[in-house]
Amino acid sequence: MHTDFTRQKLLAIGLVLALGWVALFAQGVTTSSLSGIVTDRSGSGLIGANVVAVHEPSGTRYGTATREKGQYDIDNMRVGGPYTITVSYLGYKDETVENVYLQLGQQLRLDFVLQEQSVAGEEVVVEAEVDEVLNSSRTGAGTFVKPEEVAAMPSIKRSTRDLTRLDPRSDGNFSFAGRNWLYNNISLDGSYFNNPFGLDDPA
């Protein structure tokens, strides 16, 4: 009889301790967590993939990046749900899992396999034209005046002197960058119209 009493006493003590431990555990754990691995189709882990979990009722966002072998962990998440989990990685299609619910103290494992995505680039067209001023046979500075610029410029005397206004280096009197006008070289459609002796107007 004494033995039965001792057993009952030990059983009661054990039950009390077990209930106390459960209560203590319940008070200490108030969140959940999410973990898993992100890989490609070959099974290789993708490092640096973005994992974002959104708690839809509250809008709370949890995020992390995968480690060396594609592992990820998100701790201290709200209990309940639904959650929307999205994984993104450059060059791969995004993967999304919806209606995920977390229980108290649960560490849910959720793995992802991403599919490669071809990145379509826009066509780039490069156009170029020959600069008549810059060529291998020309040295020094120069200004090229197009026919439409000449036609659009107002001119009373119809003098080439008016064209000097198109070059900011000119003083308006055929002197460019401080040099004497005798050093100028004026050509029209390849023909030279210079005044090397300085007897008349430069043009």
C-alpha atoms as a PDB file:
ATOM      1  CA  MET A   1       0.000   0.000   0.000  1.00  0.00           C
ATOM      2  CA  HIS A   2       2.876   2.301   0.809  1.00  0.00           C
ATOM      3  CA  THR A   3       4.341   1.536  -2.596  1.00  0.00           C
ATOM      4  CA  ASP A   4       1.103   2.486  -4.379  1.00  0.00           C
ATOM      5  CA  PHE A   5       0.982   5.777  -2.492  1.00  0.00           C
ATOM      6  CA  THR A   6       4.545   6.567  -3.475  1.00  0.00           C
ATOM      7  CA  ARG A   7       3.815   5.845  -7.125  1.00  0.00           C
ATOM      8  CA  GLN A   8       0.736   8.056  -7.070  1.00  0.00           C
ATOM      9  CA  LYS A   9       2.721  10.823  -5.430  1.00  0.00           C
ATOM     10  CA  LEU A  10       5.501  10.621  -8.006  1.00  0.00           C
ATOM     11  CA  LEU A  11       2.952  10.548 -10.819  1.00  0.00           C
ATOM     12  CA  ALA A  12       1.244  13.654  -9.476  1.00  0.00           C
ATOM     13  CA  ILE A  13       4.554  15.493  -9.144  1.00  0.00           C
ATOM     14  CA  GLY A  14       5.527  14.528 -12.682  1.00  0.00           C
ATOM     15  CA  LEU A  15       2.188  15.702 -14.041  1.00  0.00           C
ATOM     16  CA  VAL A  16       2.543  19.063 -12.286  1.00  0.00           C
ATOM     17  CA  LEU A  17       6.051  19.529 -13.655  1.00  0.00           C
ATOM     18  CA  ALA A  18       4.919  18.630 -17.170  1.00  0.00           C
ATOM     19  CA  LEU A  19       2.032  21.073 -17.070  1.00  0.00           C
ATOM     20  CA  GLY A  20       4.307  23.782 -15.696  1.00  0.00           C
ATOM     21  CA  TRP A  21       6.811  23.193 -18.477  1.00  0.00           C
ATOM     22  CA  VAL A  22       4.101  23.404 -21.115  1.00  0.00           C
ATOM     23  CA  ALA A  23       2.787  26.634 -19.618  1.00  0.00           C
ATOM     24  CA  LEU A  24       6.292  28.079 -19.439  1.00  0.00           C
ATOM     25  CA  PHE A  25       6.974  27.115 -23.055  1.00  0.00           C
ATOM     26  CA  ALA A  26       3.683  28.615 -24.200  1.00  0.00           C
ATOM     27  CA  GLN A  27       4.503  31.905 -22.476  1.00  0.00           C
ATOM     28  CA  GLY A  28       8.018  32.076 -23.959  1.00  0.00           C
ATOM     29  CA  VAL A  29       7.165  31.332 -27.607  1.00  0.00           C
ATOM     30  CA  THR A  30       4.833  33.787 -29.331  1.00  0.00           C
ATOM     31  CA  THR A  31       6.054  33.673 -32.926  1.00  0.00           C
ATOM     32  CA  SER A  32       6.759  31.304 -35.798  1.00  0.00           C
ATOM     33  CA  SER A  33       9.490  30.957 -38.393  1.00  0.00           C
ATOM     34  CA  LEU A  34      10.026  30.006 -42.009  1.00  0.00           C
ATOM     35  CA  SER A  35      13.009  28.266 -43.574  1.00  0.00           C
ATOM     36  CA  GLY A  36      13.969  26.377 -46.703  1.00  0.00           C
ATOM     37  CA  ILE A  37      16.275  26.192 -49.716  1.00  0.00           C
ATOM     38  CA  VAL A  38      16.130  28.016 -53.047  1.00  0.00           C
ATOM     39  CA  THR A  39      17.657  26.129 -55.989  1.00  0.00           C
ATOM     40  CA  ASP A  40      17.622  26.066 -59.770  1.00  0.00           C
ATOM     41  CA  ARG A  41      16.384  23.148 -61.859  1.00  0.00           C
ATOM     42  CA  SER A  42      19.718  21.349 -61.514  1.00  0.00           C
ATOM     43  CA  GLY A  43      19.482  21.467 -57.727  1.00  0.00           C
ATOM     44  CA  SER A  44      22.242  24.026 -57.239  1.00  0.00           C
ATOM     45  CA  GLY A  45      21.606  26.527 -54.468  1.00  0.00           C
ATOM     46  CA  LEU A  46      21.100  30.138 -55.513  1.00  0.00           C
ATOM     47  CA  ILE A  47      22.999  32.550 -53.308  1.00  0.00           C
ATOM     48  CA  GLY A  48      21.549  36.029 -52.817  1.00  0.00           C
ATOM     49  CA  ALA A  49      17.975  35.229 -53.850  1.00  0.00           C
ATOM     50  CA  ASN A  50      15.393  37.531 -52.232  1.00  0.00           C
ATOM     51  CA  VAL A  51      12.752  35.871 -50.063  1.00  0.00           C
ATOM     52  CA  VAL A  52       9.846  38.093 -48.980  1.00  0.00           C
ATOM     53  CA  ALA A  53       6.930  37.004 -46.795  1.00  0.00           C
ATOM     54  CA  VAL A  54       3.912  39.316 -46.498  1.00  0.00           C
ATOM     55  CA  HIS A  55       1.357  38.890 -43.699  1.00  0.00           C
ATOM     56  CA  GLU A  56      -1.728  39.853 -45.690  1.00  0.00           C
ATOM     57  CA  PRO A  57      -4.056  40.929 -42.823  1.00  0.00           C
ATOM     58  CA  SER A  58      -1.554  43.428 -41.401  1.00  0.00           C
ATOM     59  CA  GLY A  59       0.694  44.105 -44.392  1.00  0.00           C
ATOM     60  CA  THR A  60       3.777  43.220 -42.328  1.00  0.00           C
ATOM     61  CA  ARG A  61       6.723  42.261 -44.546  1.00  0.00           C
ATOM     62  CA  TYR A  62       9.529  39.900 -43.632  1.00  0.00           C
ATOM     63  CA  GLY A  63      12.535  39.499 -45.884  1.00  0.00           C
ATOM     64  CA  THR A  64      15.911  37.845 -46.157  1.00  0.00           C
ATOM     65  CA  ALA A  65      18.493  36.705 -48.721  1.00  0.00           C
ATOM     66  CA  THR A  66      19.631  33.146 -49.303  1.00  0.00           C
ATOM     67  CA  ARG A  67      23.041  32.042 -48.083  1.00  0.00           C
ATOM     68  CA  GLU A  68      25.853  30.194 -49.842  1.00  0.00           C
ATOM     69  CA  LYS A  69      23.933  26.991 -50.597  1.00  0.00           C
ATOM     70  CA  GLY A  70      20.560  28.643 -51.089  1.00  0.00           C
ATOM     71  CA  GLN A  71      19.355  28.300 -47.481  1.00  0.00           C
ATOM     72  CA  TYR A  72      17.184  30.956 -45.904  1.00  0.00           C
ATOM     73  CA  ASP A  73      15.581  31.563 -42.500  1.00  0.00           C
ATOM     74  CA  ILE A  74      12.982  34.086 -41.411  1.00  0.00           C
ATOM     75  CA  ASP A  75      12.392  34.199 -37.647  1.00  0.00           C
ATOM     76  CA  ASN A  76       9.969  36.030 -35.340  1.00  0.00           C
ATOM     77  CA  MET A  77       7.037  35.946 -37.745  1.00  0.00           C
ATOM     78  CA  ARG A  78       3.437  36.599 -36.762  1.00  0.00           C
ATOM     79  CA  VAL A  79       1.349  33.559 -35.980  1.00  0.00           C
ATOM     80  CA  GLY A  80      -1.521  32.885 -38.361  1.00  0.00           C
ATOM     81  CA  GLY A  81      -1.873  34.175 -41.869  1.00  0.00           C
ATOM     82  CA  PRO A  82      -2.465  34.036 -44.668  1.00  0.00           C
ATOM     83  CA  TYR A  83       1.064  34.768 -45.871  1.00  0.00           C
ATOM     84  CA  THR A  84       2.234  35.315 -49.430  1.00  0.00           C
ATOM     85  CA  ILE A  85       5.804  34.149 -49.980  1.00  0.00           C
ATOM     86  CA  THR A  86       7.701  35.434 -53.026  1.00  0.00           C
ATOM     87  CA  VAL A  87      11.207  34.468 -54.145  1.00  0.00           C
ATOM     88  CA  SER A  88      13.021  36.497 -56.809  1.00  0.00           C
ATOM     89  CA  TYR A  89      16.435  36.162 -58.412  1.00  0.00           C
ATOM     90  CA  LEU A  90      17.997  37.946 -61.374  1.00  0.00           C
ATOM     91  CA  GLY A  91      17.653  35.880 -64.537  1.00  0.00           C
ATOM     92  CA  TYR A  92      14.948  33.623 -63.057  1.00  0.00           C
ATOM     93  CA  LYS A  93      11.167  33.770 -62.916  1.00  0.00           C
ATOM     94  CA  ASP A  94       9.637  34.823 -59.596  1.00  0.00           C
ATOM     95  CA  GLU A  95       8.009  32.059 -57.576  1.00  0.00           C
ATOM     96  CA  THR A  96       5.044  32.854 -55.311  1.00  0.00           C
ATOM     97  CA  VAL A  97       3.190  30.722 -52.766  1.00  0.00           C
ATOM     98  CA  GLU A  98      -0.064  32.070 -51.310  1.00  0.00           C
ATOM     99  CA  ASN A  99      -2.330  31.179 -48.392  1.00  0.00           C
ATOM    100  CA  VAL A 100       0.459  30.051 -46.077  1.00  0.00           C
ATOM    101  CA  TYR A 101      -0.524  29.793 -42.392  1.00  0.00           C
ATOM    102  CA  LEU A 102       1.888  29.535 -39.457  1.00  0.00           C
ATOM    103  CA  GLN A 103       1.105  27.953 -36.103  1.00  0.00           C
ATOM    104  CA  LEU A 104       2.518  28.998 -32.754  1.00  0.00           C
ATOM    105  CA  GLY A 105       6.134  27.927 -32.435  1.00  0.00           C
ATOM    106  CA  GLN A 106       6.113  26.281 -35.856  1.00  0.00           C
ATOM    107  CA  GLN A 107       9.177  26.313 -38.091  1.00  0.00           C
ATOM    108  CA  LEU A 108       7.658  25.782 -41.504  1.00  0.00           C
ATOM    109  CA  ARG A 109       9.948  24.505 -44.243  1.00  0.00           C
ATOM    110  CA  LEU A 110       9.229  25.797 -47.723  1.00  0.00           C
ATOM    111  CA  ASP A 111      11.618  25.051 -50.606  1.00  0.00           C
ATOM    112  CA  PHE A 112      11.618  26.777 -53.984  1.00  0.00           C
ATOM    113  CA  VAL A 113      12.884  25.734 -57.415  1.00  0.00           C
ATOM    114  CA  LEU A 114      13.322  28.699 -59.756  1.00  0.00           C
ATOM    115  CA  GLN A 115      13.056  28.482 -63.534  1.00  0.00           C
ATOM    116  CA  GLU A 116      15.474  30.360 -65.760  1.00  0.00           C
ATOM    117  CA  GLN A 117      14.086  33.309 -67.667  1.00  0.00           C
ATOM    118  CA  SER A 118      15.526  34.770 -70.834  1.00  0.00           C
ATOM    119  CA  VAL A 119      16.034  38.509 -70.535  1.00  0.00           C
ATOM    120  CA  ALA A 120      14.827  40.239 -73.693  1.00  0.00           C
ATOM    121  CA  GLY A 121      16.877  43.310 -74.551  1.00  0.00           C
ATOM    122  CA  GLU A 122      15.640  46.233 -76.592  1.00  0.00           C
ATOM    123  CA  GLU A 123      17.162  46.833 -80.011  1.00  0.00           C
ATOM    124  CA  VAL A 124      19.652  49.680 -80.010  1.00  0.00           C
ATOM    125  CA  VAL A 125      20.216  51.496 -83.300  1.00  0.00           C
ATOM    126  CA  VAL A 126      23.325  53.670 -83.552  1.00  0.00           C
ATOM    127  CA  GLU A 127      23.454  56.247 -86.318  1.00  0.00           C
ATOM    128  CA  ALA A 128      26.510  58.274 -87.276  1.00  0.00           C
ATOM    129  CA  GLU A 129      27.458  60.771 -89.923  1.00  0.00           C
ATOM    130  CA  VAL A 130      30.768  61.998 -91.229  1.00  0.00           C
ATOM    131  CA  ASP A 131      31.911  65.296 -89.784  1.00  0.00           C
ATOM    132  CA  GLU A 132      33.279  67.384 -92.653  1.00  0.00           C
ATOM    133  CA  VAL A 133      35.377  69.381 -90.207  1.00  0.00           C
ATOM    134  CA  LEU A 134      37.168  66.410 -88.668  1.00  0.00           C
ATOM    135  CA  ASN A 135      39.138  64.415 -91.198  1.00  0.00           C
ATOM    136  CA  SER A 136      42.675  63.175 -91.639  1.00  0.00           C
ATOM    137  CA  SER A 137      43.667  65.895 -94.115  1.00  0.00           C
ATOM    138  CA  ARG A 138      42.567  68.842 -91.997  1.00  0.00           C
ATOM    139  CA  THR A 139      44.586  70.395 -89.180  1.00  0.00           C
ATOM    140  CA  GLY A 140      43.677  73.109 -86.709  1.00  0.00           C
ATOM    141  CA  ALA A 141      40.265  74.400 -85.685  1.00  0.00           C
ATOM    142  CA  GLY A 142      37.460  74.939 -88.144  1.00  0.00           C
ATOM    143  CA  THR A 143      33.768  75.692 -88.514  1.00  0.00           C
ATOM    144  CA  PHE A 144      31.552  73.992 -91.080  1.00  0.00           C
ATOM    145  CA  VAL A 145      28.448  75.888 -92.159  1.00  0.00           C
ATOM    146  CA  LYS A 146      25.653  73.891 -93.767  1.00  0.00           C
ATOM    147  CA  PRO A 147      23.672  75.318 -96.719  1.00  0.00           C
ATOM    148  CA  GLU A 148      20.435  75.385 -94.732  1.00  0.00           C
ATOM    149  CA  GLU A 149      22.147  77.477 -92.045  1.00  0.00           C
ATOM    150  CA  VAL A 150      23.302  79.965 -94.658  1.00  0.00           C
ATOM    151  CA  ALA A 151      19.801  80.178 -96.146  1.00  0.00           C
ATOM    152  CA  ALA A 152      18.187  80.726 -92.748  1.00  0.00           C
ATOM    153  CA  MET A 153      20.612  83.448 -91.607  1.00  0.00           C
ATOM    154  CA  PRO A 154      19.428  87.061 -92.103  1.00  0.00           C
ATOM    155  CA  SER A 155      21.937  89.066 -94.110  1.00  0.00           C
ATOM    156  CA  ILE A 156      21.635  92.590 -95.489  1.00  0.00           C
ATOM    157  CA  LYS A 157      24.856  92.723 -97.532  1.00  0.00           C
ATOM    158  CA  ARG A 158      24.888  89.012 -98.359  1.00  0.00           C
ATOM    159  CA  SER A 159      28.464  88.953 -97.126  1.00  0.00           C
ATOM    160  CA  THR A 160      30.393  86.026 -95.743  1.00  0.00           C
ATOM    161  CA  ARG A 161      31.216  88.303 -92.827  1.00  0.00           C
ATOM    162  CA  ASP A 162      27.758  87.499 -91.484  1.00  0.00           C
ATOM    163  CA  LEU A 163      28.711  83.840 -91.251  1.00  0.00           C
ATOM    164  CA  THR A 164      31.371  84.606 -88.651  1.00  0.00           C
ATOM    165  CA  ARG A 165      28.570  84.995 -86.109  1.00  0.00           C
ATOM    166  CA  LEU A 166      28.168  81.208 -86.176  1.00  0.00           C
ATOM    167  CA  ASP A 167      31.559  80.749 -84.520  1.00  0.00           C
ATOM    168  CA  PRO A 168      31.911  81.935 -80.893  1.00  0.00           C
ATOM    169  CA  ARG A 169      35.664  82.437 -81.417  1.00  0.00           C
ATOM    170  CA  SER A 170      35.078  85.236 -83.929  1.00  0.00           C
ATOM    171  CA  ASP A 171      35.153  88.946 -83.140  1.00  0.00           C
ATOM    172  CA  GLY A 172      32.684  89.565 -85.983  1.00  0.00           C
ATOM    173  CA  ASN A 173      35.432  90.885 -88.256  1.00  0.00           C
ATOM    174  CA  PHE A 174      37.070  87.696 -89.550  1.00  0.00           C
ATOM    175  CA  SER A 175      39.432  87.441 -86.599  1.00  0.00           C
ATOM    176  CA  PHE A 176      39.175  84.118 -84.807  1.00  0.00           C
ATOM    177  CA  ALA A 177      40.651  83.401 -81.379  1.00  0.00           C
ATOM    178  CA  GLY A 178      42.786  86.530 -81.651  1.00  0.00           C
ATOM    179  CA  ARG A 179      44.536  85.536 -84.895  1.00  0.00           C
ATOM    180  CA  ASN A 180      44.846  87.861 -87.864  1.00  0.00           C
ATOM    181  CA  TRP A 181      42.311  87.228 -90.629  1.00  0.00           C
ATOM    182  CA  LEU A 182      45.173  86.559 -93.094  1.00  0.00           C
ATOM    183  CA  TYR A 183      45.509  83.140 -91.465  1.00  0.00           C
ATOM    184  CA  ASN A 184      41.947  82.159 -92.338  1.00  0.00           C
ATOM    185  CA  ASN A 185      41.150  79.544 -94.941  1.00  0.00           C
ATOM    186  CA  ILE A 186      37.718  79.964 -96.510  1.00  0.00           C
ATOM    187  CA  SER A 187      36.441  77.362 -98.950  1.00  0.00           C
ATOM    188  CA  LEU A 188      33.124  76.842-100.723  1.00  0.00           C
ATOM    189  CA  ASP A 189      32.303  73.346-101.953  1.00  0.00           C
ATOM    190  CA  GLY A 190      36.015  72.571-101.919  1.00  0.00           C
ATOM    191  CA  SER A 191      37.099  75.759-103.748  1.00  0.00           C
ATOM    192  CA  TYR A 192      39.257  78.232-101.848  1.00  0.00           C
ATOM    193  CA  PHE A 193      38.202  81.886-101.477  1.00  0.00           C
ATOM    194  CA  ASN A 194      41.162  83.365 -99.642  1.00  0.00           C
ATOM    195  CA  ASN A 195      42.880  86.739 -99.792  1.00  0.00           C
ATOM    196  CA  PRO A 196      46.522  86.066 -98.966  1.00  0.00           C
ATOM    197  CA  PHE A 197      47.673  89.595 -99.895  1.00  0.00           C
ATOM    198  CA  GLY A 198      45.107  91.450 -97.768  1.00  0.00           C
ATOM    199  CA  LEU A 199      44.226  93.908-100.498  1.00  0.00           C
ATOM    200  CA  ASP A 200      40.473  93.388-100.325  1.00  0.00           C
ATOM    201  CA  ASP A 201      37.826  92.214 -97.887  1.00  0.00           C
ATOM    202  CA  PRO A 202      38.732  88.731 -96.576  1.00  0.00           C
ATOM    203  CA  ALA A 203      35.874  87.225 -98.541  1.00  0.00           C
END
